[in-house]
C-alpha atoms as a PDB file:
ATOM      1  CA  MET A   1      51.539   7.976  20.947  1.00  0.00           C
ATOM      2  CA  CYS A   2      49.977   9.771  17.988  1.00  0.00           C
ATOM      3  CA  SER A   3      50.217   6.691  15.768  1.00  0.00           C
ATOM      4  CA  THR A   4      48.466   4.579  18.423  1.00  0.00           C
ATOM      5  CA  LYS A   5      45.541   7.032  18.484  1.00  0.00           C
ATOM      6  CA  ASN A   6      45.387   7.043  14.682  1.00  0.00           C
ATOM      7  CA  LEU A   7      45.428   3.264  14.586  1.00  0.00           C
ATOM      8  CA  LEU A   8      42.663   3.063  17.196  1.00  0.00           C
ATOM      9  CA  LEU A   9      40.595   5.654  15.317  1.00  0.00           C
ATOM     10  CA  ALA A  10      41.055   3.772  12.008  1.00  0.00           C
ATOM     11  CA  ALA A  11      40.004   0.493  13.644  1.00  0.00           C
ATOM     12  CA  LEU A  12      36.907   2.110  15.155  1.00  0.00           C
ATOM     13  CA  LEU A  13      35.915   3.690  11.853  1.00  0.00           C
ATOM     14  CA  SER A  14      36.422   0.359  10.078  1.00  0.00           C
ATOM     15  CA  VAL A  15      34.116  -1.410  12.522  1.00  0.00           C
ATOM     16  CA  LEU A  16      31.470   1.293  12.164  1.00  0.00           C
ATOM     17  CA  LEU A  17      31.693   1.208   8.369  1.00  0.00           C
ATOM     18  CA  LEU A  18      31.417  -2.575   8.352  1.00  0.00           C
ATOM     19  CA  GLN A  19      28.363  -2.412  10.614  1.00  0.00           C
ATOM     20  CA  PHE A  20      26.710   0.223   8.426  1.00  0.00           C
ATOM     21  CA  CYS A  21      27.381  -1.712   5.209  1.00  0.00           C
ATOM     22  CA  SER A  22      25.995  -4.973   6.577  1.00  0.00           C
ATOM     23  CA  ARG A  23      22.790  -3.311   7.744  1.00  0.00           C
ATOM     24  CA  SER A  24      22.201  -1.409   4.520  1.00  0.00           C
ATOM     25  CA  ALA A  25      22.824  -4.539   2.445  1.00  0.00           C
ATOM     26  CA  ALA A  26      20.259  -6.447   4.491  1.00  0.00           C
ATOM     27  CA  ILE A  27      17.700  -3.723   3.954  1.00  0.00           C
ATOM     28  CA  SER A  28      18.300  -3.050   0.274  1.00  0.00           C
ATOM     29  CA  SER A  29      19.062  -6.492  -1.138  1.00  0.00           C
ATOM     30  CA  TYR A  30      16.080  -8.187  -2.720  1.00  0.00           C
ATOM     31  CA  ASP A  31      16.245 -11.538  -4.424  1.00  0.00           C
ATOM     32  CA  CYS A  32      13.876 -12.085  -7.334  1.00  0.00           C
ATOM     33  CA  CYS A  33      12.634 -15.227  -8.985  1.00  0.00           C
ATOM     34  CA  LEU A  34      13.938 -15.383 -12.531  1.00  0.00           C
ATOM     35  CA  GLY A  35      12.137 -18.617 -13.435  1.00  0.00           C
ATOM     36  CA  TYR A  36       9.857 -21.316 -12.074  1.00  0.00           C
ATOM     37  CA  THR A  37      10.421 -24.812 -10.719  1.00  0.00           C
ATOM     38  CA  ALA A  38       9.616 -27.583 -13.155  1.00  0.00           C
ATOM     39  CA  ARG A  39       8.458 -29.986 -10.457  1.00  0.00           C
ATOM     40  CA  ARG A  40       5.300 -30.002  -8.415  1.00  0.00           C
ATOM     41  CA  LEU A  41       5.756 -29.506  -4.657  1.00  0.00           C
ATOM     42  CA  ASN A  42       3.817 -31.420  -2.034  1.00  0.00           C
ATOM     43  CA  PRO A  43       1.983 -28.966   0.259  1.00  0.00           C
ATOM     44  CA  LYS A  44       2.941 -31.151   3.249  1.00  0.00           C
ATOM     45  CA  ASN A  45       6.566 -30.134   2.703  1.00  0.00           C
ATOM     46  CA  LEU A  46       5.817 -26.388   2.704  1.00  0.00           C
ATOM     47  CA  ARG A  47       5.888 -23.939   5.605  1.00  0.00           C
ATOM     48  CA  GLY A  48       4.574 -20.854   3.852  1.00  0.00           C
ATOM     49  CA  PHE A  49       4.732 -18.636   0.802  1.00  0.00           C
ATOM     50  CA  VAL A  50       5.314 -15.087  -0.375  1.00  0.00           C
ATOM     51  CA  ARG A  51       3.959 -13.500  -3.534  1.00  0.00           C
ATOM     52  CA  GLN A  52       6.307 -11.716  -5.942  1.00  0.00           C
ATOM     53  CA  HIS A  53       4.702  -9.128  -8.214  1.00  0.00           C
ATOM     54  CA  SER A  54       6.138  -8.052 -11.539  1.00  0.00           C
ATOM     55  CA  ASN A  55       4.989  -4.481 -11.047  1.00  0.00           C
ATOM     56  CA  GLU A  56       7.273  -4.071  -8.041  1.00  0.00           C
ATOM     57  CA  ALA A  57      11.009  -4.808  -7.959  1.00  0.00           C
ATOM     58  CA  CYS A  58      11.061  -8.038 -10.013  1.00  0.00           C
ATOM     59  CA  ASP A  59      10.396  -8.974 -13.632  1.00  0.00           C
ATOM     60  CA  ILE A  60       7.923 -11.869 -13.230  1.00  0.00           C
ATOM     61  CA  ASP A  61       4.962 -12.766 -11.053  1.00  0.00           C
ATOM     62  CA  ALA A  62       5.746 -15.711  -8.824  1.00  0.00           C
ATOM     63  CA  VAL A  63       4.793 -17.546  -5.668  1.00  0.00           C
ATOM     64  CA  ILE A  64       7.866 -18.187  -3.527  1.00  0.00           C
ATOM     65  CA  PHE A  65       7.258 -21.273  -1.402  1.00  0.00           C
ATOM     66  CA  ILE A  66       9.279 -21.765   1.771  1.00  0.00           C
ATOM     67  CA  THR A  67       9.945 -25.445   2.380  1.00  0.00           C
ATOM     68  CA  LYS A  68      10.263 -27.143   5.767  1.00  0.00           C
ATOM     69  CA  ASN A  69      14.036 -27.245   5.322  1.00  0.00           C
ATOM     70  CA  LYS A  70      13.932 -23.423   4.761  1.00  0.00           C
ATOM     71  CA  ARG A  71      14.587 -23.380   1.037  1.00  0.00           C
ATOM     72  CA  ALA A  72      12.851 -20.889  -1.242  1.00  0.00           C
ATOM     73  CA  VAL A  73      11.287 -22.329  -4.421  1.00  0.00           C
ATOM     74  CA  CYS A  74       9.804 -20.155  -7.157  1.00  0.00           C
ATOM     75  CA  ALA A  75       6.564 -21.342  -8.767  1.00  0.00           C
ATOM     76  CA  ASP A  76       4.262 -20.125 -11.512  1.00  0.00           C
ATOM     77  CA  PRO A  77       1.163 -18.544  -9.873  1.00  0.00           C
ATOM     78  CA  LYS A  78      -0.974 -19.527 -12.906  1.00  0.00           C
ATOM     79  CA  LYS A  79      -0.468 -23.288 -12.378  1.00  0.00           C
ATOM     80  CA  ALA A  80      -3.333 -25.190 -10.755  1.00  0.00           C
ATOM     81  CA  TRP A  81      -1.059 -27.006  -8.244  1.00  0.00           C
ATOM     82  CA  VAL A  82       0.380 -23.642  -7.112  1.00  0.00           C
ATOM     83  CA  LYS A  83      -3.102 -22.197  -6.559  1.00  0.00           C
ATOM     84  CA  GLU A  84      -4.081 -25.294  -4.593  1.00  0.00           C
ATOM     85  CA  ALA A  85      -0.933 -25.158  -2.442  1.00  0.00           C
ATOM     86  CA  VAL A  86      -1.521 -21.464  -1.717  1.00  0.00           C
ATOM     87  CA  ARG A  87      -5.134 -22.255  -0.741  1.00  0.00           C
ATOM     88  CA  ILE A  88      -4.019 -25.038   1.613  1.00  0.00           C
ATOM     89  CA  LEU A  89      -1.316 -22.898   3.226  1.00  0.00           C
ATOM     90  CA  SER A  90      -3.718 -19.964   3.648  1.00  0.00           C
ATOM     91  CA  GLU A  91      -6.177 -22.025   5.699  1.00  0.00           C
END
């Protein structure tokens, strides 16, 4: 009887620990762009963008474009085509 209670308690604690770890990982994990795409993206294939700033958690400034098929693509914010795509998406 005692071993059944211990087993149940261990299972419950395992589930709680797993739940806690998955939530904290989702909150604390942050992916950074480490480089830029070499190809120009067509604004028609983009859904949106996010700006990455080097003075925050990451090493380089970047524009992270989200494509229609939900991929993230890092681009150089100094490039003319990136500025134009950001302008189009902001409208």
